[in-house]
């Protein structure tokens, strides 16, 4: 049975994108797909993942939850006490928003572009 929400991506923040990429390649043999000057996807890591070395990456790794209905997810996050930290935005492959749950962890929810 398909779940409405499932973690299927994790982003790692980095103050040194090339250094992080080199480390992950050397330590684990992972390869990468360059999506922008400050963002790479991590290939063959067992879960989809990326490295964000942009100007304002998250302070900690970011778990990203996949859904089929982003608007419903946002309503349910807010109803459960979550606080939106980054309103919905488009990115290559989809659309997502970020939120903080009451305990302080920042998460994101995304939907694939149709």
PDB file of N, CA and C in Angstrom:
ATOM      1  N   UNK A   1       0.834  -1.178   0.000  1.00  0.00           N
ATOM      2  CA  UNK A   1       0.000   0.000   0.000  1.00  0.00           C
ATOM      3  C   UNK A   1       0.881   1.244   0.000  1.00  0.00           C
ATOM      4  N   UNK A   2       0.587   2.157  -0.879  1.00  0.00           N
ATOM      5  CA  UNK A   2       1.354   3.395  -0.976  1.00  0.00           C
ATOM      6  C   UNK A   2       0.962   4.342   0.156  1.00  0.00           C
ATOM      7  N   UNK A   3       1.967   4.901   0.809  1.00  0.00           N
ATOM      8  CA  UNK A   3       1.715   5.854   1.883  1.00  0.00           C
ATOM      9  C   UNK A   3       1.520   7.250   1.318  1.00  0.00           C
ATOM     10  N   UNK A   4       0.722   8.065   2.019  1.00  0.00           N
ATOM     11  CA  UNK A   4       0.503   9.445   1.589  1.00  0.00           C
ATOM     12  C   UNK A   4       1.788  10.255   1.719  1.00  0.00           C
ATOM     13  N   UNK A   5       2.557   9.996   2.788  1.00  0.00           N
ATOM     14  CA  UNK A   5       3.793  10.740   3.029  1.00  0.00           C
ATOM     15  C   UNK A   5       4.920   9.761   3.329  1.00  0.00           C
ATOM     16  N   UNK A   6       6.052   9.925   2.642  1.00  0.00           N
ATOM     17  CA  UNK A   6       7.216   9.094   2.943  1.00  0.00           C
ATOM     18  C   UNK A   6       8.494   9.877   2.711  1.00  0.00           C
ATOM     19  N   UNK A   7       9.451   9.686   3.610  1.00  0.00           N
ATOM     20  CA  UNK A   7      10.756  10.321   3.443  1.00  0.00           C
ATOM     21  C   UNK A   7      11.448   9.633   2.281  1.00  0.00           C
ATOM     22  N   UNK A   8      11.860  10.422   1.287  1.00  0.00           N
ATOM     23  CA  UNK A   8      12.535   9.799   0.144  1.00  0.00           C
ATOM     24  C   UNK A   8      13.733  10.601  -0.333  1.00  0.00           C
ATOM     25  N   UNK A   9      14.140  11.615   0.443  1.00  0.00           N
ATOM     26  CA  UNK A   9      15.262  12.443   0.021  1.00  0.00           C
ATOM     27  C   UNK A   9      15.856  13.098   1.258  1.00  0.00           C
ATOM     28  N   UNK A  10      17.157  13.287   1.269  1.00  0.00           N
ATOM     29  CA  UNK A  10      17.810  14.010   2.356  1.00  0.00           C
ATOM     30  C   UNK A  10      18.844  14.955   1.759  1.00  0.00           C
ATOM     31  N   UNK A  11      18.864  16.177   2.265  1.00  0.00           N
ATOM     32  CA  UNK A  11      19.834  17.177   1.811  1.00  0.00           C
ATOM     33  C   UNK A  11      20.837  17.454   2.914  1.00  0.00           C
ATOM     34  N   UNK A  12      22.095  17.505   2.524  1.00  0.00           N
ATOM     35  CA  UNK A  12      23.163  17.818   3.455  1.00  0.00           C
ATOM     36  C   UNK A  12      23.661  19.235   3.184  1.00  0.00           C
ATOM     37  N   UNK A  13      23.679  20.090   4.209  1.00  0.00           N
ATOM     38  CA  UNK A  13      24.235  21.427   4.018  1.00  0.00           C
ATOM     39  C   UNK A  13      25.759  21.340   4.005  1.00  0.00           C
ATOM     40  N   UNK A  14      26.405  22.262   3.295  1.00  0.00           N
ATOM     41  CA  UNK A  14      27.866  22.252   3.238  1.00  0.00           C
ATOM     42  C   UNK A  14      28.402  23.664   3.047  1.00  0.00           C
ATOM     43  N   UNK A  15      29.379  24.029   3.856  1.00  0.00           N
ATOM     44  CA  UNK A  15      30.092  25.297   3.669  1.00  0.00           C
ATOM     45  C   UNK A  15      31.182  25.143   2.616  1.00  0.00           C
ATOM     46  N   UNK A  16      31.451  23.902   2.178  1.00  0.00           N
ATOM     47  CA  UNK A  16      32.483  23.612   1.187  1.00  0.00           C
ATOM     48  C   UNK A  16      31.972  22.498   0.269  1.00  0.00           C
ATOM     49  N   UNK A  17      31.131  22.874  -0.698  1.00  0.00           N
ATOM     50  CA  UNK A  17      30.530  21.893  -1.595  1.00  0.00           C
ATOM     51  C   UNK A  17      31.528  20.965  -2.255  1.00  0.00           C
ATOM     52  N   UNK A  18      32.589  21.505  -2.905  1.00  0.00           N
ATOM     53  CA  UNK A  18      33.567  20.603  -3.533  1.00  0.00           C
ATOM     54  C   UNK A  18      34.252  19.678  -2.518  1.00  0.00           C
ATOM     55  N   UNK A  19      34.515  20.183  -1.327  1.00  0.00           N
ATOM     56  CA  UNK A  19      35.141  19.353  -0.295  1.00  0.00           C
ATOM     57  C   UNK A  19      34.225  18.231   0.165  1.00  0.00           C
ATOM     58  N   UNK A  20      32.954  18.557   0.356  1.00  0.00           N
ATOM     59  CA  UNK A  20      31.986  17.537   0.761  1.00  0.00           C
ATOM     60  C   UNK A  20      31.845  16.492  -0.334  1.00  0.00           C
ATOM     61  N   UNK A  21      31.749  16.950  -1.577  1.00  0.00           N
ATOM     62  CA  UNK A  21      31.613  16.023  -2.704  1.00  0.00           C
ATOM     63  C   UNK A  21      32.829  15.102  -2.778  1.00  0.00           C
ATOM     64  N   UNK A  22      34.020  15.643  -2.647  1.00  0.00           N
ATOM     65  CA  UNK A  22      35.236  14.825  -2.701  1.00  0.00           C
ATOM     66  C   UNK A  22      35.260  13.812  -1.552  1.00  0.00           C
ATOM     67  N   UNK A  23      34.879  14.257  -0.360  1.00  0.00           N
ATOM     68  CA  UNK A  23      34.843  13.357   0.783  1.00  0.00           C
ATOM     69  C   UNK A  23      33.876  12.196   0.544  1.00  0.00           C
ATOM     70  N   UNK A  24      32.653  12.512   0.132  1.00  0.00           N
ATOM     71  CA  UNK A  24      31.645  11.464  -0.082  1.00  0.00           C
ATOM     72  C   UNK A  24      32.057  10.501  -1.190  1.00  0.00           C
ATOM     73  N   UNK A  25      32.711  11.005  -2.224  1.00  0.00           N
ATOM     74  CA  UNK A  25      33.201  10.140  -3.303  1.00  0.00           C
ATOM     75  C   UNK A  25      34.317   9.235  -2.798  1.00  0.00           C
ATOM     76  N   UNK A  26      35.267   9.809  -2.058  1.00  0.00           N
ATOM     77  CA  UNK A  26      36.404   9.026  -1.560  1.00  0.00           C
ATOM     78  C   UNK A  26      35.986   8.022  -0.490  1.00  0.00           C
ATOM     79  N   UNK A  27      35.132   8.452   0.450  1.00  0.00           N
ATOM     80  CA  UNK A  27      34.762   7.595   1.569  1.00  0.00           C
ATOM     81  C   UNK A  27      33.770   6.508   1.167  1.00  0.00           C
ATOM     82  N   UNK A  28      32.816   6.846   0.288  1.00  0.00           N
ATOM     83  CA  UNK A  28      31.726   5.925   0.014  1.00  0.00           C
ATOM     84  C   UNK A  28      31.579   5.530  -1.452  1.00  0.00           C
ATOM     85  N   UNK A  29      32.367   6.135  -2.340  1.00  0.00           N
ATOM     86  CA  UNK A  29      32.301   5.806  -3.757  1.00  0.00           C
ATOM     87  C   UNK A  29      31.087   6.367  -4.476  1.00  0.00           C
ATOM     88  N   UNK A  30      30.420   7.353  -3.879  1.00  0.00           N
ATOM     89  CA  UNK A  30      29.238   7.935  -4.494  1.00  0.00           C
ATOM     90  C   UNK A  30      29.613   8.858  -5.640  1.00  0.00           C
ATOM     91  N   UNK A  31      28.719   8.982  -6.604  1.00  0.00           N
ATOM     92  CA  UNK A  31      28.902   9.903  -7.711  1.00  0.00           C
ATOM     93  C   UNK A  31      27.823  10.986  -7.615  1.00  0.00           C
ATOM     94  N   UNK A  32      27.872  11.975  -8.521  1.00  0.00           N
ATOM     95  CA  UNK A  32      27.047  13.168  -8.361  1.00  0.00           C
ATOM     96  C   UNK A  32      26.490  13.660  -9.683  1.00  0.00           C
ATOM     97  N   UNK A  33      25.358  14.350  -9.588  1.00  0.00           N
ATOM     98  CA  UNK A  33      24.757  15.043 -10.719  1.00  0.00           C
ATOM     99  C   UNK A  33      24.705  16.516 -10.342  1.00  0.00           C
ATOM    100  N   UNK A  34      25.340  17.363 -11.146  1.00  0.00           N
ATOM    101  CA  UNK A  34      25.379  18.803 -10.881  1.00  0.00           C
ATOM    102  C   UNK A  34      24.083  19.443 -11.371  1.00  0.00           C
ATOM    103  N   UNK A  35      23.311  20.042 -10.446  1.00  0.00           N
ATOM    104  CA  UNK A  35      22.060  20.707 -10.816  1.00  0.00           C
ATOM    105  C   UNK A  35      22.210  22.217 -10.894  1.00  0.00           C
ATOM    106  N   UNK A  36      23.137  22.764 -10.135  1.00  0.00           N
ATOM    107  CA  UNK A  36      23.430  24.201 -10.172  1.00  0.00           C
ATOM    108  C   UNK A  36      24.840  24.369  -9.619  1.00  0.00           C
ATOM    109  N   UNK A  37      25.394  25.575  -9.691  1.00  0.00           N
ATOM    110  CA  UNK A  37      26.740  25.753  -9.142  1.00  0.00           C
ATOM    111  C   UNK A  37      26.851  25.409  -7.652  1.00  0.00           C
ATOM    112  N   UNK A  38      25.728  25.497  -6.911  1.00  0.00           N
ATOM    113  CA  UNK A  38      25.788  25.249  -5.470  1.00  0.00           C
ATOM    114  C   UNK A  38      24.991  24.017  -5.033  1.00  0.00           C
ATOM    115  N   UNK A  39      24.550  23.182  -5.980  1.00  0.00           N
ATOM    116  CA  UNK A  39      23.752  22.020  -5.595  1.00  0.00           C
ATOM    117  C   UNK A  39      24.089  20.821  -6.466  1.00  0.00           C
ATOM    118  N   UNK A  40      24.396  19.700  -5.803  1.00  0.00           N
ATOM    119  CA  UNK A  40      24.611  18.438  -6.509  1.00  0.00           C
ATOM    120  C   UNK A  40      23.701  17.373  -5.917  1.00  0.00           C
ATOM    121  N   UNK A  41      23.190  16.516  -6.788  1.00  0.00           N
ATOM    122  CA  UNK A  41      22.487  15.333  -6.335  1.00  0.00           C
ATOM    123  C   UNK A  41      23.504  14.232  -6.102  1.00  0.00           C
ATOM    124  N   UNK A  42      23.250  13.407  -5.109  1.00  0.00           N
ATOM    125  CA  UNK A  42      24.128  12.274  -4.817  1.00  0.00           C
ATOM    126  C   UNK A  42      23.512  11.042  -5.472  1.00  0.00           C
ATOM    127  N   UNK A  43      24.288  10.370  -6.295  1.00  0.00           N
ATOM    128  CA  UNK A  43      23.832   9.170  -6.974  1.00  0.00           C
ATOM    129  C   UNK A  43      24.304   7.929  -6.220  1.00  0.00           C
ATOM    130  N   UNK A  44      23.596   6.856  -6.339  1.00  0.00           N
ATOM    131  CA  UNK A  44      23.895   5.521  -5.805  1.00  0.00           C
ATOM    132  C   UNK A  44      24.215   5.503  -4.306  1.00  0.00           C
ATOM    133  N   UNK A  45      23.445   6.279  -3.503  1.00  0.00           N
ATOM    134  CA  UNK A  45      23.665   6.321  -2.058  1.00  0.00           C
ATOM    135  C   UNK A  45      22.631   5.498  -1.291  1.00  0.00           C
ATOM    136  N   UNK A  46      21.718   4.837  -1.978  1.00  0.00           N
ATOM    137  CA  UNK A  46      20.709   4.041  -1.299  1.00  0.00           C
ATOM    138  C   UNK A  46      19.420   4.793  -1.029  1.00  0.00           C
ATOM    139  N   UNK A  47      19.481   6.113  -1.015  1.00  0.00           N
ATOM    140  CA  UNK A  47      18.326   6.997  -0.914  1.00  0.00           C
ATOM    141  C   UNK A  47      18.690   8.225  -1.737  1.00  0.00           C
ATOM    142  N   UNK A  48      17.721   8.835  -2.370  1.00  0.00           N
ATOM    143  CA  UNK A  48      18.026  10.058  -3.103  1.00  0.00           C
ATOM    144  C   UNK A  48      18.501  11.114  -2.114  1.00  0.00           C
ATOM    145  N   UNK A  49      19.533  11.843  -2.497  1.00  0.00           N
ATOM    146  CA  UNK A  49      20.120  12.832  -1.591  1.00  0.00           C
ATOM    147  C   UNK A  49      20.821  13.907  -2.401  1.00  0.00           C
ATOM    148  N   UNK A  50      21.188  14.990  -1.715  1.00  0.00           N
ATOM    149  CA  UNK A  50      21.901  16.079  -2.360  1.00  0.00           C
ATOM    150  C   UNK A  50      22.756  16.833  -1.368  1.00  0.00           C
ATOM    151  N   UNK A  51      23.622  17.688  -1.904  1.00  0.00           N
ATOM    152  CA  UNK A  51      24.481  18.554  -1.102  1.00  0.00           C
ATOM    153  C   UNK A  51      24.175  19.984  -1.512  1.00  0.00           C
ATOM    154  N   UNK A  52      23.757  20.794  -0.535  1.00  0.00           N
ATOM    155  CA  UNK A  52      23.418  22.201  -0.746  1.00  0.00           C
ATOM    156  C   UNK A  52      24.532  23.069  -0.186  1.00  0.00           C
ATOM    157  N   UNK A  53      25.274  23.730  -1.063  1.00  0.00           N
ATOM    158  CA  UNK A  53      26.342  24.627  -0.621  1.00  0.00           C
ATOM    159  C   UNK A  53      26.025  26.066  -0.992  1.00  0.00           C
ATOM    160  N   UNK A  54      24.730  26.369  -1.142  1.00  0.00           N
ATOM    161  CA  UNK A  54      24.295  27.721  -1.484  1.00  0.00           C
ATOM    162  C   UNK A  54      24.475  28.686  -0.329  1.00  0.00           C
ATOM    163  N   UNK A  55      24.051  29.908  -0.545  1.00  0.00           N
ATOM    164  CA  UNK A  55      24.235  30.970   0.438  1.00  0.00           C
ATOM    165  C   UNK A  55      23.486  30.723   1.743  1.00  0.00           C
ATOM    166  N   UNK A  56      22.327  30.084   1.694  1.00  0.00           N
ATOM    167  CA  UNK A  56      21.523  29.865   2.900  1.00  0.00           C
ATOM    168  C   UNK A  56      21.071  28.415   3.039  1.00  0.00           C
ATOM    169  N   UNK A  57      22.008  27.468   3.122  1.00  0.00           N
ATOM    170  CA  UNK A  57      21.580  26.081   3.282  1.00  0.00           C
ATOM    171  C   UNK A  57      21.009  25.874   4.683  1.00  0.00           C
ATOM    172  N   UNK A  58      20.223  24.815   4.880  1.00  0.00           N
ATOM    173  CA  UNK A  58      19.701  24.527   6.219  1.00  0.00           C
ATOM    174  C   UNK A  58      20.847  24.338   7.207  1.00  0.00           C
ATOM    175  N   UNK A  59      20.568  24.506   8.487  1.00  0.00           N
ATOM    176  CA  UNK A  59      21.597  24.368   9.527  1.00  0.00           C
ATOM    177  C   UNK A  59      21.959  22.911   9.786  1.00  0.00           C
ATOM    178  N   UNK A  60      21.082  21.994   9.420  1.00  0.00           N
ATOM    179  CA  UNK A  60      21.299  20.567   9.667  1.00  0.00           C
ATOM    180  C   UNK A  60      20.790  19.800   8.444  1.00  0.00           C
ATOM    181  N   UNK A  61      21.111  18.505   8.339  1.00  0.00           N
ATOM    182  CA  UNK A  61      20.541  17.732   7.241  1.00  0.00           C
ATOM    183  C   UNK A  61      19.021  17.882   7.224  1.00  0.00           C
ATOM    184  N   UNK A  62      18.469  17.903   6.033  1.00  0.00           N
ATOM    185  CA  UNK A  62      17.047  18.149   5.826  1.00  0.00           C
ATOM    186  C   UNK A  62      16.393  16.916   5.227  1.00  0.00           C
ATOM    187  N   UNK A  63      15.494  16.276   5.991  1.00  0.00           N
ATOM    188  CA  UNK A  63      14.711  15.172   5.450  1.00  0.00           C
ATOM    189  C   UNK A  63      13.593  15.757   4.607  1.00  0.00           C
ATOM    190  N   UNK A  64      13.387  15.185   3.421  1.00  0.00           N
ATOM    191  CA  UNK A  64      12.382  15.685   2.495  1.00  0.00           C
ATOM    192  C   UNK A  64      11.340  14.586   2.284  1.00  0.00           C
ATOM    193  N   UNK A  65      10.085  14.936   2.528  1.00  0.00           N
ATOM    194  CA  UNK A  65       8.974  14.003   2.491  1.00  0.00           C
ATOM    195  C   UNK A  65       8.233  14.169   1.169  1.00  0.00           C
ATOM    196  N   UNK A  66       7.992  13.072   0.496  1.00  0.00           N
ATOM    197  CA  UNK A  66       7.285  13.100  -0.794  1.00  0.00           C
ATOM    198  C   UNK A  66       5.789  12.922  -0.575  1.00  0.00           C
ATOM    199  N   UNK A  67       5.009  13.639  -1.371  1.00  0.00           N
ATOM    200  CA  UNK A  67       3.564  13.505  -1.345  1.00  0.00           C
ATOM    201  C   UNK A  67       3.014  13.653  -2.758  1.00  0.00           C
ATOM    202  N   UNK A  68       1.734  13.407  -2.921  1.00  0.00           N
ATOM    203  CA  UNK A  68       1.082  13.630  -4.202  1.00  0.00           C
ATOM    204  C   UNK A  68       0.209  14.876  -4.187  1.00  0.00           C
ATOM    205  N   UNK A  69       0.038  15.502  -3.004  1.00  0.00           N
ATOM    206  CA  UNK A  69      -0.822  16.681  -2.874  1.00  0.00           C
ATOM    207  C   UNK A  69      -0.158  17.679  -1.928  1.00  0.00           C
ATOM    208  N   UNK A  70       0.580  18.618  -2.491  1.00  0.00           N
ATOM    209  CA  UNK A  70       1.348  19.564  -1.689  1.00  0.00           C
ATOM    210  C   UNK A  70       0.447  20.484  -0.864  1.00  0.00           C
ATOM    211  N   UNK A  71      -0.650  20.934  -1.438  1.00  0.00           N
ATOM    212  CA  UNK A  71      -1.546  21.840  -0.720  1.00  0.00           C
ATOM    213  C   UNK A  71      -2.173  21.143   0.485  1.00  0.00           C
ATOM    214  N   UNK A  72      -2.582  19.890   0.316  1.00  0.00           N
ATOM    215  CA  UNK A  72      -3.126  19.119   1.432  1.00  0.00           C
ATOM    216  C   UNK A  72      -2.064  18.942   2.515  1.00  0.00           C
ATOM    217  N   UNK A  73      -0.845  18.628   2.109  1.00  0.00           N
ATOM    218  CA  UNK A  73       0.238  18.454   3.072  1.00  0.00           C
ATOM    219  C   UNK A  73       0.457  19.736   3.876  1.00  0.00           C
ATOM    220  N   UNK A  74       0.445  20.872   3.205  1.00  0.00           N
ATOM    221  CA  UNK A  74       0.650  22.145   3.916  1.00  0.00           C
ATOM    222  C   UNK A  74      -0.474  22.379   4.926  1.00  0.00           C
ATOM    223  N   UNK A  75      -1.710  22.125   4.540  1.00  0.00           N
ATOM    224  CA  UNK A  75      -2.834  22.292   5.475  1.00  0.00           C
ATOM    225  C   UNK A  75      -2.678  21.365   6.676  1.00  0.00           C
ATOM    226  N   UNK A  76      -2.277  20.120   6.442  1.00  0.00           N
ATOM    227  CA  UNK A  76      -2.133  19.165   7.545  1.00  0.00           C
ATOM    228  C   UNK A  76      -0.963  19.514   8.450  1.00  0.00           C
ATOM    229  N   UNK A  77       0.143  19.998   7.867  1.00  0.00           N
ATOM    230  CA  UNK A  77       1.287  20.441   8.675  1.00  0.00           C
ATOM    231  C   UNK A  77       0.870  21.590   9.590  1.00  0.00           C
ATOM    232  N   UNK A  78       0.179  22.576   9.032  1.00  0.00           N
ATOM    233  CA  UNK A  78      -0.264  23.723   9.833  1.00  0.00           C
ATOM    234  C   UNK A  78      -1.269  23.301  10.905  1.00  0.00           C
ATOM    235  N   UNK A  79      -2.199  22.440  10.556  1.00  0.00           N
ATOM    236  CA  UNK A  79      -3.207  21.981  11.518  1.00  0.00           C
ATOM    237  C   UNK A  79      -2.574  21.211  12.674  1.00  0.00           C
ATOM    238  N   UNK A  80      -1.463  20.547  12.418  1.00  0.00           N
ATOM    239  CA  UNK A  80      -0.781  19.763  13.442  1.00  0.00           C
ATOM    240  C   UNK A  80       0.169  20.609  14.290  1.00  0.00           C
ATOM    241  N   UNK A  81       0.291  21.910  13.975  1.00  0.00           N
ATOM    242  CA  UNK A  81       1.146  22.790  14.774  1.00  0.00           C
ATOM    243  C   UNK A  81       2.471  23.129  14.146  1.00  0.00           C
ATOM    244  N   UNK A  82       2.698  22.722  12.901  1.00  0.00           N
ATOM    245  CA  UNK A  82       3.933  23.084  12.215  1.00  0.00           C
ATOM    246  C   UNK A  82       3.924  24.542  11.793  1.00  0.00           C
ATOM    247  N   UNK A  83       5.104  25.109  11.616  1.00  0.00           N
ATOM    248  CA  UNK A  83       5.267  26.495  11.173  1.00  0.00           C
ATOM    249  C   UNK A  83       6.030  26.500   9.855  1.00  0.00           C
ATOM    250  N   UNK A  84       5.462  27.133   8.838  1.00  0.00           N
ATOM    251  CA  UNK A  84       6.119  27.212   7.534  1.00  0.00           C
ATOM    252  C   UNK A  84       7.357  28.099   7.660  1.00  0.00           C
ATOM    253  N   UNK A  85       8.508  27.580   7.222  1.00  0.00           N
ATOM    254  CA  UNK A  85       9.754  28.350   7.253  1.00  0.00           C
ATOM    255  C   UNK A  85      10.161  28.826   5.865  1.00  0.00           C
ATOM    256  N   UNK A  86       9.666  28.155   4.838  1.00  0.00           N
ATOM    257  CA  UNK A  86       9.929  28.561   3.455  1.00  0.00           C
ATOM    258  C   UNK A  86       8.691  28.199   2.639  1.00  0.00           C
ATOM    259  N   UNK A  87       7.945  29.209   2.167  1.00  0.00           N
ATOM    260  CA  UNK A  87       6.736  28.925   1.392  1.00  0.00           C
ATOM    261  C   UNK A  87       7.054  28.089   0.151  1.00  0.00           C
ATOM    262  N   UNK A  88       6.030  27.470  -0.387  1.00  0.00           N
ATOM    263  CA  UNK A  88       6.187  26.596  -1.548  1.00  0.00           C
ATOM    264  C   UNK A  88       6.918  27.309  -2.686  1.00  0.00           C
ATOM    265  N   UNK A  89       7.848  26.585  -3.303  1.00  0.00           N
ATOM    266  CA  UNK A  89       8.633  27.115  -4.419  1.00  0.00           C
ATOM    267  C   UNK A  89       8.926  25.992  -5.394  1.00  0.00           C
ATOM    268  N   UNK A  90       9.155  26.373  -6.643  1.00  0.00           N
ATOM    269  CA  UNK A  90       9.519  25.412  -7.686  1.00  0.00           C
ATOM    270  C   UNK A  90      11.014  25.160  -7.652  1.00  0.00           C
ATOM    271  N   UNK A  91      11.396  23.947  -8.003  1.00  0.00           N
ATOM    272  CA  UNK A  91      12.798  23.574  -8.184  1.00  0.00           C
ATOM    273  C   UNK A  91      12.829  22.553  -9.314  1.00  0.00           C
ATOM    274  N   UNK A  92      14.004  22.250  -9.877  1.00  0.00           N
ATOM    275  CA  UNK A  92      14.037  21.277 -10.974  1.00  0.00           C
ATOM    276  C   UNK A  92      13.428  19.939 -10.532  1.00  0.00           C
ATOM    277  N   UNK A  93      12.351  19.561 -11.157  1.00  0.00           N
ATOM    278  CA  UNK A  93      11.712  18.295 -10.852  1.00  0.00           C
ATOM    279  C   UNK A  93      10.470  18.375  -9.991  1.00  0.00           C
ATOM    280  N   UNK A  94      10.222  19.523  -9.353  1.00  0.00           N
ATOM    281  CA  UNK A  94       9.050  19.570  -8.502  1.00  0.00           C
ATOM    282  C   UNK A  94       8.796  20.901  -7.826  1.00  0.00           C
ATOM    283  N   UNK A  95       8.043  20.819  -6.745  1.00  0.00           N
ATOM    284  CA  UNK A  95       7.672  21.983  -5.942  1.00  0.00           C
ATOM    285  C   UNK A  95       7.691  21.535  -4.485  1.00  0.00           C
ATOM    286  N   UNK A  96       8.116  22.420  -3.555  1.00  0.00           N
ATOM    287  CA  UNK A  96       8.163  22.028  -2.152  1.00  0.00           C
ATOM    288  C   UNK A  96       8.056  23.226  -1.227  1.00  0.00           C
ATOM    289  N   UNK A  97       7.793  22.916   0.044  1.00  0.00           N
ATOM    290  CA  UNK A  97       7.839  23.922   1.102  1.00  0.00           C
ATOM    291  C   UNK A  97       8.609  23.337   2.271  1.00  0.00           C
ATOM    292  N   UNK A  98       9.123  24.219   3.138  1.00  0.00           N
ATOM    293  CA  UNK A  98       9.837  23.799   4.343  1.00  0.00           C
ATOM    294  C   UNK A  98       8.999  24.204   5.547  1.00  0.00           C
ATOM    295  N   UNK A  99       9.152  23.440   6.625  1.00  0.00           N
ATOM    296  CA  UNK A  99       8.441  23.764   7.864  1.00  0.00           C
ATOM    297  C   UNK A  99       9.258  23.287   9.060  1.00  0.00           C
ATOM    298  N   UNK A 100       8.913  23.818  10.213  1.00  0.00           N
ATOM    299  CA  UNK A 100       9.528  23.398  11.470  1.00  0.00           C
ATOM    300  C   UNK A 100       8.429  22.765  12.314  1.00  0.00           C
ATOM    301  N   UNK A 101       8.700  21.560  12.817  1.00  0.00           N
ATOM    302  CA  UNK A 101       7.737  20.893  13.689  1.00  0.00           C
ATOM    303  C   UNK A 101       7.901  21.441  15.104  1.00  0.00           C
ATOM    304  N   UNK A 102       6.924  21.220  16.013  1.00  0.00           N
ATOM    305  CA  UNK A 102       6.988  21.840  17.330  1.00  0.00           C
ATOM    306  C   UNK A 102       8.263  21.574  18.125  1.00  0.00           C
ATOM    307  N   UNK A 103       8.947  20.461  17.872  1.00  0.00           N
ATOM    308  CA  UNK A 103      10.189  20.162  18.582  1.00  0.00           C
ATOM    309  C   UNK A 103      11.400  20.870  18.013  1.00  0.00           C
ATOM    310  N   UNK A 104      11.246  21.562  16.870  1.00  0.00           N
ATOM    311  CA  UNK A 104      12.329  22.363  16.317  1.00  0.00           C
ATOM    312  C   UNK A 104      12.990  21.831  15.065  1.00  0.00           C
ATOM    313  N   UNK A 105      12.693  20.610  14.648  1.00  0.00           N
ATOM    314  CA  UNK A 105      13.327  20.055  13.459  1.00  0.00           C
ATOM    315  C   UNK A 105      12.710  20.650  12.204  1.00  0.00           C
ATOM    316  N   UNK A 106      13.567  21.087  11.272  1.00  0.00           N
ATOM    317  CA  UNK A 106      13.081  21.552   9.990  1.00  0.00           C
ATOM    318  C   UNK A 106      13.012  20.381   9.023  1.00  0.00           C
ATOM    319  N   UNK A 107      11.900  20.304   8.286  1.00  0.00           N
ATOM    320  CA  UNK A 107      11.646  19.275   7.297  1.00  0.00           C
ATOM    321  C   UNK A 107      11.113  19.959   6.047  1.00  0.00           C
ATOM    322  N   UNK A 108      10.976  19.195   4.980  1.00  0.00           N
ATOM    323  CA  UNK A 108      10.377  19.730   3.754  1.00  0.00           C
ATOM    324  C   UNK A 108       9.429  18.679   3.193  1.00  0.00           C
ATOM    325  N   UNK A 109       8.435  19.146   2.447  1.00  0.00           N
ATOM    326  CA  UNK A 109       7.514  18.270   1.735  1.00  0.00           C
ATOM    327  C   UNK A 109       7.565  18.659   0.268  1.00  0.00           C
ATOM    328  N   UNK A 110       7.623  17.675  -0.621  1.00  0.00           N
ATOM    329  CA  UNK A 110       7.707  17.984  -2.053  1.00  0.00           C
ATOM    330  C   UNK A 110       6.729  17.137  -2.852  1.00  0.00           C
ATOM    331  N   UNK A 111       6.431  17.639  -4.029  1.00  0.00           N
ATOM    332  CA  UNK A 111       5.607  16.927  -4.993  1.00  0.00           C
ATOM    333  C   UNK A 111       6.320  16.994  -6.343  1.00  0.00           C
ATOM    334  N   UNK A 112       6.279  15.902  -7.068  1.00  0.00           N
ATOM    335  CA  UNK A 112       6.905  15.846  -8.389  1.00  0.00           C
ATOM    336  C   UNK A 112       6.092  16.673  -9.375  1.00  0.00           C
ATOM    337  N   UNK A 113       6.782  17.348 -10.301  1.00  0.00           N
ATOM    338  CA  UNK A 113       6.089  18.098 -11.347  1.00  0.00           C
ATOM    339  C   UNK A 113       5.335  17.123 -12.237  1.00  0.00           C
ATOM    340  N   UNK A 114       4.136  17.529 -12.589  1.00  0.00           N
ATOM    341  CA  UNK A 114       3.301  16.673 -13.452  1.00  0.00           C
ATOM    342  C   UNK A 114       3.760  16.717 -14.882  1.00  0.00           C
TER     343      UNK A 114
END
